[in-house]
Amino acid sequence: MRIEKLKAKMLTENIDSLLITDMKNIFYLTGFSGTAGTVFLTAKRNIFMTDSRYSEM
């Protein structure tokens, strides 16, 4: 999984957290193809945020 590879790289580079806002990068990491979203990664959590136009099915 791409997120797990990124998190492994974050660990080796001593990066505590990462905020991703570019939709091309969000699509690459998550497969989400909407028009608005943010991804916040830490060693323990993956958080995806978007607005109310999108819902999980």
N, C-alpha and C. Protein backbone atom coordinates (compact mmCIF):
# COMPACT_ATOMS: atom_id res chain seq x y z
N MET A 1 0.84 -1.17 0.00
CA MET A 1 0.00 0.00 0.00
C MET A 1 0.89 1.25 0.00
N ARG A 2 0.52 2.23 -0.76
CA ARG A 2 1.34 3.43 -0.92
C ARG A 2 1.46 4.22 0.37
N ILE A 3 0.40 4.30 1.14
CA ILE A 3 0.46 5.05 2.40
C ILE A 3 1.47 4.40 3.35
N GLU A 4 1.48 3.08 3.41
CA GLU A 4 2.42 2.40 4.31
C GLU A 4 3.87 2.64 3.88
N LYS A 5 4.12 2.66 2.59
CA LYS A 5 5.48 2.97 2.11
C LYS A 5 5.87 4.39 2.47
N LEU A 6 4.94 5.32 2.33
CA LEU A 6 5.21 6.71 2.69
C LEU A 6 5.47 6.83 4.19
N LYS A 7 4.68 6.13 5.00
CA LYS A 7 4.87 6.19 6.44
C LYS A 7 6.22 5.59 6.85
N ALA A 8 6.66 4.56 6.16
CA ALA A 8 7.98 3.98 6.44
C ALA A 8 9.07 5.00 6.12
N LYS A 9 8.92 5.72 5.03
CA LYS A 9 9.88 6.77 4.66
C LYS A 9 9.85 7.90 5.67
N MET A 10 8.67 8.26 6.15
CA MET A 10 8.55 9.29 7.18
C MET A 10 9.35 8.89 8.42
N LEU A 11 9.26 7.63 8.79
CA LEU A 11 9.97 7.12 9.96
C LEU A 11 11.49 7.24 9.78
N THR A 12 11.99 6.83 8.62
CA THR A 12 13.44 6.88 8.39
C THR A 12 13.96 8.31 8.30
N GLU A 13 13.10 9.24 7.91
CA GLU A 13 13.48 10.65 7.78
C GLU A 13 13.13 11.47 9.03
N ASN A 14 12.64 10.81 10.08
CA ASN A 14 12.24 11.47 11.33
C ASN A 14 11.17 12.54 11.11
N ILE A 15 10.20 12.24 10.28
CA ILE A 15 9.07 13.14 10.03
C ILE A 15 7.90 12.64 10.89
N ASP A 16 7.44 13.48 11.81
CA ASP A 16 6.39 13.09 12.75
C ASP A 16 5.00 13.05 12.13
N SER A 17 4.72 14.00 11.25
CA SER A 17 3.40 14.06 10.63
C SER A 17 3.52 14.70 9.26
N LEU A 18 2.49 14.46 8.45
CA LEU A 18 2.48 14.98 7.09
C LEU A 18 1.05 15.37 6.73
N LEU A 19 0.89 16.57 6.20
CA LEU A 19 -0.41 17.06 5.76
C LEU A 19 -0.37 17.16 4.24
N ILE A 20 -1.27 16.44 3.59
CA ILE A 20 -1.30 16.38 2.12
C ILE A 20 -2.58 17.04 1.64
N THR A 21 -2.44 18.07 0.80
CA THR A 21 -3.61 18.81 0.33
C THR A 21 -3.76 18.80 -1.19
N ASP A 22 -2.73 18.45 -1.91
CA ASP A 22 -2.81 18.42 -3.37
C ASP A 22 -3.63 17.20 -3.80
N MET A 23 -4.67 17.43 -4.58
CA MET A 23 -5.59 16.35 -4.95
C MET A 23 -4.92 15.27 -5.79
N LYS A 24 -3.90 15.60 -6.57
CA LYS A 24 -3.18 14.57 -7.33
C LYS A 24 -2.47 13.61 -6.37
N ASN A 25 -1.87 14.14 -5.33
CA ASN A 25 -1.19 13.30 -4.34
C ASN A 25 -2.18 12.50 -3.51
N ILE A 26 -3.32 13.10 -3.19
CA ILE A 26 -4.36 12.38 -2.44
C ILE A 26 -4.89 11.22 -3.27
N PHE A 27 -5.11 11.46 -4.56
CA PHE A 27 -5.57 10.37 -5.42
C PHE A 27 -4.52 9.27 -5.50
N TYR A 28 -3.26 9.64 -5.65
CA TYR A 28 -2.17 8.66 -5.73
C TYR A 28 -2.12 7.79 -4.48
N LEU A 29 -2.30 8.41 -3.32
CA LEU A 29 -2.19 7.67 -2.05
C LEU A 29 -3.44 6.90 -1.69
N THR A 30 -4.62 7.44 -2.03
CA THR A 30 -5.86 6.86 -1.51
C THR A 30 -6.81 6.33 -2.57
N GLY A 31 -6.68 6.82 -3.80
CA GLY A 31 -7.65 6.46 -4.83
C GLY A 31 -8.87 7.36 -4.84
N PHE A 32 -8.95 8.32 -3.92
CA PHE A 32 -10.08 9.25 -3.86
C PHE A 32 -9.98 10.22 -5.03
N SER A 33 -11.06 10.31 -5.81
CA SER A 33 -11.02 11.14 -7.02
C SER A 33 -11.96 12.34 -6.95
N GLY A 34 -12.34 12.75 -5.76
CA GLY A 34 -13.19 13.92 -5.61
C GLY A 34 -12.42 15.21 -5.85
N THR A 35 -13.08 16.32 -5.56
CA THR A 35 -12.47 17.63 -5.83
C THR A 35 -11.99 18.34 -4.58
N ALA A 36 -12.25 17.78 -3.40
CA ALA A 36 -11.83 18.43 -2.16
C ALA A 36 -11.47 17.36 -1.13
N GLY A 37 -10.31 17.50 -0.52
CA GLY A 37 -9.91 16.55 0.50
C GLY A 37 -8.57 16.91 1.10
N THR A 38 -8.28 16.32 2.24
CA THR A 38 -7.01 16.50 2.93
C THR A 38 -6.66 15.17 3.60
N VAL A 39 -5.39 14.83 3.59
CA VAL A 39 -4.91 13.63 4.28
C VAL A 39 -3.89 14.07 5.31
N PHE A 40 -4.04 13.56 6.54
CA PHE A 40 -3.10 13.83 7.62
C PHE A 40 -2.56 12.50 8.10
N LEU A 41 -1.25 12.34 8.04
CA LEU A 41 -0.62 11.08 8.43
C LEU A 41 0.28 11.29 9.64
N THR A 42 0.22 10.35 10.57
CA THR A 42 1.17 10.26 11.67
C THR A 42 1.61 8.80 11.75
N ALA A 43 2.51 8.51 12.65
CA ALA A 43 2.97 7.13 12.80
C ALA A 43 1.82 6.20 13.19
N LYS A 44 0.85 6.72 13.93
CA LYS A 44 -0.23 5.87 14.45
C LYS A 44 -1.56 6.03 13.73
N ARG A 45 -1.73 7.11 12.97
CA ARG A 45 -3.05 7.37 12.39
C ARG A 45 -2.97 7.83 10.95
N ASN A 46 -3.98 7.45 10.19
CA ASN A 46 -4.22 7.96 8.84
C ASN A 46 -5.58 8.64 8.89
N ILE A 47 -5.61 9.93 8.62
CA ILE A 47 -6.87 10.66 8.68
C ILE A 47 -7.16 11.27 7.31
N PHE A 48 -8.32 10.94 6.77
CA PHE A 48 -8.77 11.52 5.51
C PHE A 48 -9.97 12.40 5.81
N MET A 49 -9.94 13.63 5.32
CA MET A 49 -11.04 14.57 5.55
C MET A 49 -11.53 15.11 4.22
N THR A 50 -12.83 15.22 4.10
CA THR A 50 -13.45 15.84 2.93
C THR A 50 -14.75 16.49 3.38
N ASP A 51 -15.43 17.15 2.47
CA ASP A 51 -16.67 17.81 2.87
C ASP A 51 -17.87 16.87 2.73
N SER A 52 -19.04 17.38 3.06
CA SER A 52 -20.23 16.54 3.16
C SER A 52 -20.79 16.07 1.81
N ARG A 53 -20.23 16.52 0.71
CA ARG A 53 -20.69 16.03 -0.60
C ARG A 53 -20.34 14.57 -0.81
N TYR A 54 -19.35 14.09 -0.07
CA TYR A 54 -18.86 12.73 -0.25
C TYR A 54 -19.18 11.91 0.98
N SER A 55 -19.58 10.66 0.76
CA SER A 55 -19.84 9.77 1.88
C SER A 55 -19.31 8.39 1.54
N GLU A 56 -18.98 7.64 2.57
CA GLU A 56 -18.47 6.29 2.38
C GLU A 56 -19.62 5.35 2.09
N MET A 57 -19.43 4.48 1.12
CA MET A 57 -20.49 3.53 0.77
C MET A 57 -20.07 2.14 1.13
